[in-house]
Protein backbone atom coordinates (compact mmCIF):
# COMPACT_ATOMS: atom_id res chain seq x y z
CA MET A 1 32.35 -6.79 1.56
CA ARG A 2 29.32 -9.02 1.10
CA GLU A 3 27.31 -8.54 -2.02
CA THR A 4 23.67 -7.96 -1.36
CA HIS A 5 21.09 -9.88 -3.77
CA TYR A 6 17.65 -8.29 -4.85
CA LEU A 7 14.89 -10.75 -5.96
CA PRO A 8 12.96 -9.85 -8.96
CA ILE A 9 9.52 -7.58 -7.75
CA ARG A 10 7.31 -10.37 -8.33
CA GLU A 11 9.34 -12.68 -6.37
CA SER A 12 10.02 -10.53 -3.49
CA LEU A 13 8.35 -10.78 -0.21
CA GLY A 14 6.19 -7.70 -0.50
CA TYR A 15 4.93 -8.38 -3.80
CA ARG A 16 3.92 -11.92 -2.90
CA ASN A 17 2.04 -10.95 0.47
CA ILE A 18 0.23 -8.04 -1.63
CA ARG A 19 -0.61 -10.45 -4.11
CA GLU A 20 -2.36 -12.63 -1.44
CA ALA A 21 -3.98 -9.78 0.65
CA LEU A 22 -5.35 -8.32 -2.49
CA MET A 23 -6.85 -11.60 -3.45
CA ALA A 24 -8.21 -12.37 -0.26
CA ILE A 25 -10.08 -8.82 0.24
CA PHE A 26 -10.90 -7.53 -3.21
CA PHE A 27 -10.60 -10.78 -5.35
CA LYS A 28 -7.88 -8.93 -7.25
CA ASN A 29 -5.11 -10.23 -8.63
CA LEU A 30 -2.08 -8.46 -8.71
CA ASP A 31 -0.49 -10.39 -11.29
CA ASP A 32 -3.03 -8.98 -13.75
CA ILE A 33 -2.18 -5.06 -12.46
CA LEU A 34 0.36 -3.13 -14.54
CA ILE A 35 3.14 -2.50 -11.33
CA ARG A 36 5.81 0.19 -11.61
CA GLU A 37 9.11 -0.94 -10.60
CA GLY A 38 11.68 1.07 -8.94
CA GLU A 39 15.10 0.04 -7.12
CA TYR A 40 15.73 -2.70 -4.88
CA GLU A 41 12.65 -4.52 -4.42
CA ASN A 42 10.23 -1.08 -4.53
CA PHE A 43 7.40 -0.85 -6.54
CA ALA A 44 3.82 0.82 -6.87
CA PHE A 45 0.31 0.19 -8.76
CA ASP A 46 -2.91 1.83 -9.32
CA PHE A 47 -6.14 0.38 -7.82
CA PHE A 48 -9.32 1.04 -8.66
CA TYR A 49 -12.51 -0.03 -6.54
CA LYS A 50 -16.01 1.44 -6.97
CA GLY A 51 -14.84 4.78 -8.95
CA TYR A 52 -11.99 5.37 -6.37
CA GLU A 53 -8.19 5.91 -7.18
CA VAL A 54 -5.95 4.35 -4.80
CA ASN A 55 -2.04 4.17 -5.21
CA MET A 56 -0.09 1.34 -3.30
CA GLY A 57 2.82 0.02 -3.14
CA ILE A 58 6.00 -1.10 -1.47
CA ALA A 59 9.33 1.15 -0.45
CA ALA A 60 12.16 1.40 1.44
CA THR A 61 13.55 -2.59 0.67
CA GLY A 62 16.88 -1.82 0.85
CA LYS A 63 19.12 -3.71 2.64
CA ASN A 64 21.61 -2.72 4.89
CA ILE A 65 20.95 1.13 3.80
CA GLN A 66 20.64 3.59 6.67
CA PHE A 67 16.63 4.51 6.39
CA GLU A 68 15.59 1.10 4.84
CA VAL A 69 14.09 -1.38 6.18
CA GLY A 70 14.99 -4.12 4.43
CA GLU A 71 12.97 -7.39 2.89
CA GLY A 72 9.80 -6.65 2.42
CA GLY A 73 9.68 -2.70 2.63
CA LEU A 74 6.94 -0.69 3.66
CA PHE A 75 3.64 -0.83 2.50
CA ASP A 76 1.87 2.35 1.52
CA ILE A 77 -1.56 3.27 0.73
CA LEU A 78 -2.67 6.52 -0.63
CA PHE A 79 -5.20 8.69 -2.76
CA PRO A 80 -4.12 10.77 -5.31
CA TYR A 81 -6.12 13.81 -4.27
CA ASP A 82 -6.01 17.02 -2.73
CA ILE A 83 -8.20 16.58 0.22
CA ASP A 84 -6.80 18.91 2.46
CA LYS A 85 -5.06 21.19 -0.43
CA GLU A 86 -1.64 21.24 0.98
CA SER A 87 -0.48 18.23 -0.96
CA ASP A 88 -1.59 16.26 -4.08
CA PHE A 89 -2.09 12.98 -2.04
CA VAL A 90 -3.26 11.62 1.35
CA PHE A 91 -2.64 8.58 3.39
CA LEU A 92 -5.12 5.83 3.87
CA HIS A 93 -4.23 6.45 7.51
CA GLU A 94 -4.97 10.10 7.60
CA VAL A 95 -8.76 9.71 6.78
CA ILE A 96 -8.71 6.95 9.14
CA LYS A 97 -11.15 8.78 12.16
CA ASP A 98 -10.49 5.83 14.73
CA GLU A 99 -7.34 6.75 16.64
CA VAL A 100 -6.14 2.69 17.02
CA ILE A 101 -6.89 2.15 13.78
CA SER A 102 -5.08 4.61 11.84
CA ASN A 103 -2.11 4.19 14.12
CA SER A 104 -2.10 0.38 12.74
CA VAL A 105 -2.19 1.12 8.96
CA ARG A 106 0.12 4.02 9.54
CA ARG A 107 3.19 1.81 9.38
CA VAL A 108 2.80 -1.47 7.99
CA PHE A 109 5.90 -3.98 6.95
CA GLY A 110 5.25 -5.84 3.92
CA LYS A 111 6.89 -8.84 5.23
CA ASN A 112 4.07 -9.45 7.26
CA GLU A 113 1.62 -10.93 5.65
CA LYS A 114 -1.35 -10.25 7.84
CA ASP A 115 -0.66 -6.50 8.50
CA VAL A 116 -1.07 -5.96 4.83
CA GLU A 117 -4.15 -8.15 4.49
CA TYR A 118 -5.48 -5.76 7.74
CA ALA A 119 -4.53 -2.48 5.74
CA LEU A 120 -6.39 -3.80 2.68
CA LEU A 121 -9.30 -4.75 4.77
CA ILE A 122 -9.41 -1.13 6.75
CA LEU A 123 -9.27 0.43 2.99
CA LYS A 124 -12.25 -1.81 1.62
CA ASP A 125 -13.91 -0.85 4.16
CA PHE A 126 -13.38 2.86 4.23
CA LEU A 127 -14.00 2.80 0.95
CA ASP A 128 -17.43 1.03 1.28
CA SER A 129 -18.55 3.85 3.46
CA ASP A 130 -20.27 6.79 3.34
CA GLU A 131 -17.33 8.73 4.90
CA ALA A 132 -15.41 7.89 1.58
CA LYS A 133 -18.46 9.14 -0.75
CA VAL A 134 -18.24 12.40 1.20
CA LEU A 135 -14.40 13.02 1.42
CA LEU A 136 -13.68 11.67 -2.18
CA LYS A 137 -16.49 13.09 -4.07
CA ASN A 138 -15.56 14.80 -7.14
CA LYS A 139 -12.13 14.04 -6.91
């Protein structure tokens, strides 16, 4: 059986792609943000913009494991707000009204740098909107 190797989180493809996209869209350096490390190359971090808290991370980085996507993992963006009272968080794609855009950020692979950058651009546009002020107010 072949041994599977995992990179340190900060050297992983998902981390590098988020770092580049975060700098390009928000002018923030991921290296300066505290991250929570998980197994394999999974990690998460809290991001603050205009007073809003956003949780982001890479999950499902297990290689050759059922239900995992491998290198780069899945990039998730969520808000720790109980908007609909059914859960303690809501994903970015759930607050985007445009169905095409919502579907494009529903499942983002961390290995695709342009997709990660696009998801962060959609996040920034949402957080800069009046809709975010209404939906996330007092949260």
